[in-house]
Amino acid sequence: MELLQLKYFCTVARLEHMTEAAGELHVTQSSLSKTIQRLEEDLGAPLFDRSGRNLRLNAFGRSFFQRVERALFELEEGKREIADMTSADYGTLALAVNTAYMLPDILNRFRDIRPQVQFHVEQLRTHEMETRVKKGEVDFCLSSPPILGSELVCDIVFQEQIYVTVPRTHRLAGRDRVRLSELKGERFVSLKKGYGIRDLMDLYCEKAGFVPQTAYEGDEPASLGPLVVTGLGIAFIPKSALSAGSQEHVVCLPIEDPVCIREIGLTRHQSRYFTSAAKDFRQVIIEHFQRMAQNDV
């Protein structure tokens, strides 16, 4: 049984399609089929149920797939550990976020400590982040709401209040605060479903007895403020984001009854090797939000 056979098997098992697997692996379909057949001969049992070109993992295949995935995961983690031991000042950290406005300060601070470490950052929806971190494709998720799970370790690094931002000509602009129920009937500009603050505020609004009417749904948080200025709708915004854009033409009001709070979490896979760079990055994140909390007092 060879390592290459196991890697090929995992790809076929994941896709359950020989042609697609061959394309992903950049090998011919006949070569891949022969490799899988030799593996089955070595094991003494078929791993797939075959019907023409269709493949389905059978009971043998499903059991073997779980063990091979764990074995290959451990091998990759071994490579990461050796790389960390031999070149700890280098490497790449993969980070997934669902909001990016606070990243510049965090990354600049980390670069002061680890200037040679590179970053790959993706802005994703919450369910996409959970999938990626569980697969080991990202080192950390910085998200609100925090991503929790039996395979995951999550540090709750920050809590903050949610505000509503309205144009200066809005009926509520002269207030110093607003009850959430008073926003029933308003039109909102917001992120699409699947982004943390959108899903969180949908839940808060549901508990307050209404479903927000959306005038705009997008993927870019920075686009919401200018749209509020145009009068298209009002928007929910976390307190820490108030300084990220101009507030000249809008009014930001704290919400009460209930006070709307969001949590930010830093999540990683509990079984992944925790590199020294990752440990330093976690500490930078924690200290960043500690300073934010102190400044908010």
Protein backbone atom coordinates (compact mmCIF):
# COMPACT_ATOMS: atom_id res chain seq x y z
CA MET A 1 0.00 0.00 0.00
CA GLU A 2 1.56 3.28 -1.14
CA LEU A 3 1.01 6.86 -0.01
CA LEU A 4 0.09 7.90 -3.55
CA GLN A 5 -2.65 5.24 -3.64
CA LEU A 6 -4.12 6.65 -0.44
CA LYS A 7 -4.09 10.24 -1.72
CA TYR A 8 -5.73 9.15 -4.96
CA PHE A 9 -8.33 7.14 -3.05
CA CYS A 10 -9.25 10.15 -0.88
CA THR A 11 -9.83 12.31 -3.93
CA VAL A 12 -12.04 9.70 -5.60
CA ALA A 13 -13.88 9.07 -2.33
CA ARG A 14 -14.55 12.79 -1.83
CA LEU A 15 -15.82 13.36 -5.38
CA GLU A 16 -17.30 9.90 -6.05
CA HIS A 17 -16.54 10.52 -9.71
CA MET A 18 -13.54 9.04 -11.51
CA THR A 19 -13.36 11.58 -14.33
CA GLU A 20 -13.56 14.59 -12.00
CA ALA A 21 -10.98 13.04 -9.66
CA ALA A 22 -8.60 12.38 -12.55
CA GLY A 23 -8.95 16.00 -13.64
CA GLU A 24 -8.25 17.32 -10.16
CA LEU A 25 -5.22 15.03 -9.77
CA HIS A 26 -3.95 15.74 -13.32
CA VAL A 27 -3.69 12.03 -14.19
CA THR A 28 -5.45 9.94 -16.82
CA GLN A 29 -8.68 8.24 -15.87
CA SER A 30 -7.32 4.81 -16.80
CA SER A 31 -4.25 5.31 -14.61
CA LEU A 32 -6.41 6.41 -11.68
CA SER A 33 -8.78 3.46 -12.11
CA LYS A 34 -5.86 1.02 -12.07
CA THR A 35 -4.45 2.64 -8.92
CA ILE A 36 -7.79 2.26 -7.11
CA GLN A 37 -8.13 -1.35 -8.31
CA ARG A 38 -4.65 -2.21 -6.97
CA LEU A 39 -5.54 -0.65 -3.63
CA GLU A 40 -8.70 -2.74 -3.44
CA GLU A 41 -6.70 -5.86 -4.30
CA ASP A 42 -4.22 -5.05 -1.51
CA LEU A 43 -7.09 -4.63 0.95
CA GLY A 44 -9.00 -7.67 -0.26
CA ALA A 45 -12.31 -5.80 -0.49
CA PRO A 46 -14.06 -3.39 -2.88
CA LEU A 47 -14.25 0.21 -1.65
CA PHE A 48 -16.90 1.44 -4.09
CA ASP A 49 -20.19 0.26 -5.49
CA ARG A 50 -20.00 0.70 -9.25
CA SER A 51 -22.84 1.25 -11.69
CA GLY A 52 -21.51 2.18 -15.09
CA ARG A 53 -19.47 5.34 -14.56
CA ASN A 54 -21.12 6.09 -11.23
CA LEU A 55 -19.23 5.41 -8.01
CA ARG A 56 -20.50 5.29 -4.46
CA LEU A 57 -18.46 4.53 -1.35
CA ASN A 58 -19.66 1.30 0.21
CA ALA A 59 -19.42 0.35 3.88
CA PHE A 60 -15.78 -0.77 3.44
CA GLY A 61 -14.94 2.45 1.63
CA ARG A 62 -16.58 4.74 4.18
CA SER A 63 -14.76 3.09 7.07
CA PHE A 64 -11.42 3.14 5.24
CA PHE A 65 -11.91 6.75 4.09
CA GLN A 66 -12.30 8.03 7.66
CA ARG A 67 -9.08 6.36 8.76
CA VAL A 68 -7.08 7.37 5.69
CA GLU A 69 -8.20 11.01 6.06
CA ARG A 70 -6.98 11.02 9.66
CA ALA A 71 -3.68 9.39 8.66
CA LEU A 72 -3.03 11.86 5.85
CA PHE A 73 -4.00 14.73 8.15
CA GLU A 74 -1.41 13.58 10.70
CA LEU A 75 1.25 13.31 8.00
CA GLU A 76 0.54 16.89 6.88
CA GLU A 77 0.66 18.06 10.48
CA GLY A 78 4.02 16.30 10.87
CA LYS A 79 5.32 18.24 7.87
CA ARG A 80 4.03 21.48 9.40
CA GLU A 81 5.73 20.72 12.70
CA ILE A 82 9.10 19.99 11.08
CA ALA A 83 8.81 23.13 8.96
CA ASP A 84 8.03 25.13 12.08
CA MET A 85 11.00 23.66 13.93
CA THR A 86 13.43 24.37 11.09
CA SER A 87 12.16 27.78 9.91
CA ALA A 88 9.87 29.25 12.58
CA ASP A 89 10.35 32.81 11.36
CA TYR A 90 8.90 32.02 7.93
CA GLY A 91 5.79 30.32 6.58
CA THR A 92 2.23 31.41 5.85
CA LEU A 93 -0.81 31.88 8.05
CA ALA A 94 -4.23 31.44 6.46
CA LEU A 95 -6.92 33.62 8.02
CA ALA A 96 -10.67 33.75 7.32
CA VAL A 97 -12.74 36.74 8.44
CA ASN A 98 -16.30 37.95 7.96
CA THR A 99 -15.34 41.58 8.46
CA ALA A 100 -12.02 43.15 7.53
CA TYR A 101 -12.01 46.74 8.82
CA MET A 102 -9.98 45.88 11.94
CA LEU A 103 -7.32 43.84 10.12
CA PRO A 104 -4.78 46.59 9.23
CA ASP A 105 -3.91 47.34 12.88
CA ILE A 106 -3.68 43.64 13.74
CA LEU A 107 -1.50 42.72 10.74
CA ASN A 108 0.79 45.73 11.20
CA ARG A 109 1.39 44.78 14.83
CA PHE A 110 2.10 41.16 13.89
CA ARG A 111 4.55 42.20 11.15
CA ASP A 112 6.54 44.09 13.78
CA ILE A 113 7.05 40.76 15.53
CA ARG A 114 7.20 38.33 12.59
CA PRO A 115 8.12 40.30 9.44
CA GLN A 116 8.89 37.18 7.37
CA VAL A 117 5.56 35.42 7.93
CA GLN A 118 3.14 35.82 5.01
CA PHE A 119 -0.66 36.00 5.21
CA HIS A 120 -3.46 34.67 3.06
CA VAL A 121 -6.74 36.34 4.09
CA GLU A 122 -10.24 35.56 2.80
CA GLN A 123 -13.52 37.26 3.64
CA LEU A 124 -16.15 34.52 3.89
CA ARG A 125 -19.62 33.87 5.20
CA THR A 126 -19.94 32.18 8.57
CA HIS A 127 -20.82 28.69 7.26
CA GLU A 128 -17.95 28.86 4.74
CA MET A 129 -15.50 29.74 7.51
CA GLU A 130 -16.67 26.81 9.62
CA THR A 131 -16.18 24.39 6.71
CA ARG A 132 -12.71 25.70 5.91
CA VAL A 133 -11.38 25.61 9.46
CA LYS A 134 -12.75 22.09 10.04
CA LYS A 135 -10.99 20.92 6.88
CA GLY A 136 -7.75 22.50 8.07
CA GLU A 137 -7.67 24.89 5.10
CA VAL A 138 -7.37 27.98 7.32
CA ASP A 139 -5.39 28.43 10.51
CA PHE A 140 -7.78 30.87 12.18
CA CYS A 141 -11.26 32.29 11.78
CA LEU A 142 -11.84 35.76 13.20
CA SER A 143 -15.61 36.05 13.22
CA SER A 144 -18.81 37.29 14.72
CA PRO A 145 -20.65 35.23 15.75
CA PRO A 146 -17.86 33.00 17.09
CA ILE A 147 -17.52 29.64 15.35
CA LEU A 148 -17.94 26.82 17.85
CA GLY A 149 -17.79 23.04 17.53
CA SER A 150 -16.47 19.84 19.05
CA GLU A 151 -13.39 19.87 16.79
CA LEU A 152 -12.66 23.53 17.40
CA VAL A 153 -11.04 25.79 19.99
CA CYS A 154 -12.55 29.27 20.23
CA ASP A 155 -11.34 32.30 22.22
CA ILE A 156 -14.04 34.94 22.76
CA VAL A 157 -11.84 37.99 22.29
CA PHE A 158 -14.32 40.87 22.31
CA GLN A 159 -17.89 41.95 23.02
CA GLU A 160 -19.43 45.16 21.74
CA GLN A 161 -22.73 46.95 21.27
CA ILE A 162 -24.54 47.23 17.93
CA TYR A 163 -25.69 50.69 16.80
CA VAL A 164 -28.12 51.78 14.11
CA THR A 165 -26.96 54.44 11.66
CA VAL A 166 -29.51 56.79 10.05
CA PRO A 167 -29.30 59.85 7.76
CA ARG A 168 -29.26 63.24 9.52
CA THR A 169 -32.66 63.93 7.95
CA HIS A 170 -34.20 60.78 9.46
CA ARG A 171 -37.09 61.00 11.94
CA LEU A 172 -34.90 59.44 14.67
CA ALA A 173 -31.79 61.54 14.02
CA GLY A 174 -32.46 63.87 16.95
CA ARG A 175 -32.59 61.04 19.48
CA ASP A 176 -29.72 59.89 21.69
CA ARG A 177 -30.83 56.24 21.60
CA VAL A 178 -33.58 54.08 20.13
CA ARG A 179 -35.59 51.00 21.07
CA LEU A 180 -35.21 48.16 18.59
CA SER A 181 -38.99 47.84 18.17
CA GLU A 182 -39.10 51.46 16.90
CA LEU A 183 -37.28 50.31 13.76
CA LYS A 184 -40.19 48.16 12.62
CA GLY A 185 -41.29 49.34 9.19
CA GLU A 186 -37.92 50.88 8.34
CA ARG A 187 -35.99 49.79 5.25
CA PHE A 188 -32.46 48.52 5.78
CA VAL A 189 -29.23 48.31 3.80
CA SER A 190 -27.36 45.23 5.00
CA LEU A 191 -25.04 42.41 4.20
CA LYS A 192 -26.47 39.23 2.70
CA LYS A 193 -27.70 36.37 4.86
CA GLY A 194 -24.77 34.26 6.03
CA TYR A 195 -22.71 37.19 7.28
CA GLY A 196 -22.45 37.39 11.06
CA ILE A 197 -23.96 40.76 11.89
CA ARG A 198 -26.83 40.25 9.40
CA ASP A 199 -27.81 36.91 10.92
CA LEU A 200 -27.39 38.23 14.47
CA MET A 201 -29.58 41.29 13.90
CA ASP A 202 -32.21 39.23 12.08
CA LEU A 203 -32.53 37.20 15.29
CA TYR A 204 -32.70 40.30 17.49
CA CYS A 205 -35.38 41.83 15.24
CA GLU A 206 -37.39 38.61 15.22
CA LYS A 207 -37.42 38.64 19.03
CA ALA A 208 -38.55 42.30 18.88
CA GLY A 209 -41.50 41.26 16.72
CA PHE A 210 -40.55 42.15 13.16
CA VAL A 211 -38.61 41.06 10.10
CA PRO A 212 -36.32 43.78 8.66
CA GLN A 213 -37.31 45.01 5.20
CA THR A 214 -34.18 45.15 3.06
CA ALA A 215 -33.66 47.80 0.41
CA TYR A 216 -30.14 46.54 -0.37
CA GLU A 217 -28.16 43.36 0.37
CA GLY A 218 -24.45 43.17 -0.44
CA ASP A 219 -21.11 41.55 0.32
CA GLU A 220 -19.05 44.62 1.23
CA PRO A 221 -19.55 46.24 4.66
CA ALA A 222 -17.88 49.48 3.52
CA SER A 223 -20.68 50.07 1.00
CA LEU A 224 -23.40 50.39 3.65
CA GLY A 225 -22.48 53.82 5.07
CA PRO A 226 -22.64 55.69 1.75
CA LEU A 227 -25.97 54.03 0.98
CA VAL A 228 -27.39 55.22 4.30
CA VAL A 229 -26.36 58.77 3.35
CA THR A 230 -28.41 58.50 0.13
CA GLY A 231 -31.52 57.65 2.15
CA LEU A 232 -31.90 54.20 0.64
CA GLY A 233 -32.15 52.65 4.10
CA ILE A 234 -30.73 52.54 7.59
CA ALA A 235 -28.06 50.07 8.78
CA PHE A 236 -26.89 48.16 11.81
CA ILE A 237 -23.22 48.70 12.61
CA PRO A 238 -20.94 47.46 15.42
CA LYS A 239 -19.53 50.16 17.70
CA SER A 240 -15.92 49.40 16.69
CA ALA A 241 -16.78 50.19 13.06
CA LEU A 242 -18.03 53.70 13.81
CA SER A 243 -14.54 55.15 13.36
CA ALA A 244 -13.89 53.21 10.13
CA GLY A 245 -15.85 55.64 7.95
CA SER A 246 -17.05 59.22 7.87
CA GLN A 247 -20.01 59.99 10.15
CA GLU A 248 -20.47 63.52 8.81
CA HIS A 249 -23.85 62.91 7.17
CA VAL A 250 -25.25 60.19 9.44
CA VAL A 251 -26.24 59.75 13.07
CA CYS A 252 -25.26 56.58 14.98
CA LEU A 253 -27.64 55.63 17.78
CA PRO A 254 -27.16 52.98 20.46
CA ILE A 255 -29.99 50.45 20.61
CA GLU A 256 -31.80 49.57 23.82
CA ASP A 257 -34.64 47.25 24.82
CA PRO A 258 -32.80 45.06 24.12
CA VAL A 259 -29.19 46.22 24.08
CA CYS A 260 -27.82 44.40 21.04
CA ILE A 261 -24.43 42.80 21.68
CA ARG A 262 -22.15 40.87 19.37
CA GLU A 263 -19.21 38.63 20.29
CA ILE A 264 -16.04 38.22 18.24
CA GLY A 265 -14.26 34.87 18.39
CA LEU A 266 -10.90 33.55 17.23
CA THR A 267 -11.33 29.90 16.22
CA ARG A 268 -8.83 27.22 15.24
CA HIS A 269 -8.92 23.43 14.75
CA GLN A 270 -7.99 21.66 17.97
CA SER A 271 -6.02 18.90 16.20
CA ARG A 272 -3.85 21.08 13.97
CA TYR A 273 -0.25 21.63 15.00
CA PHE A 274 -0.06 25.02 16.70
CA THR A 275 2.97 26.72 15.14
CA SER A 276 4.98 29.33 17.00
CA ALA A 277 3.83 31.94 14.45
CA ALA A 278 0.20 30.97 15.11
CA LYS A 279 0.76 31.30 18.87
CA ASP A 280 2.22 34.78 18.39
CA PHE A 281 -0.66 35.77 16.11
CA ARG A 282 -3.22 34.61 18.69
CA GLN A 283 -1.48 36.73 21.32
CA VAL A 284 -1.49 39.78 19.04
CA ILE A 285 -5.24 39.32 18.47
CA ILE A 286 -5.96 39.02 22.20
CA GLU A 287 -3.89 42.10 23.06
CA HIS A 288 -5.50 44.10 20.23
CA PHE A 289 -9.00 43.51 21.58
CA GLN A 290 -7.89 44.05 25.17
CA ARG A 291 -6.72 47.53 24.14
CA MET A 292 -10.03 48.14 22.36
CA ALA A 293 -11.95 47.14 25.48
CA GLN A 294 -9.80 49.40 27.69
CA ASN A 295 -10.30 52.36 25.35
CA ASP A 296 -14.04 51.74 25.42
CA VAL A 297 -14.25 52.05 29.21
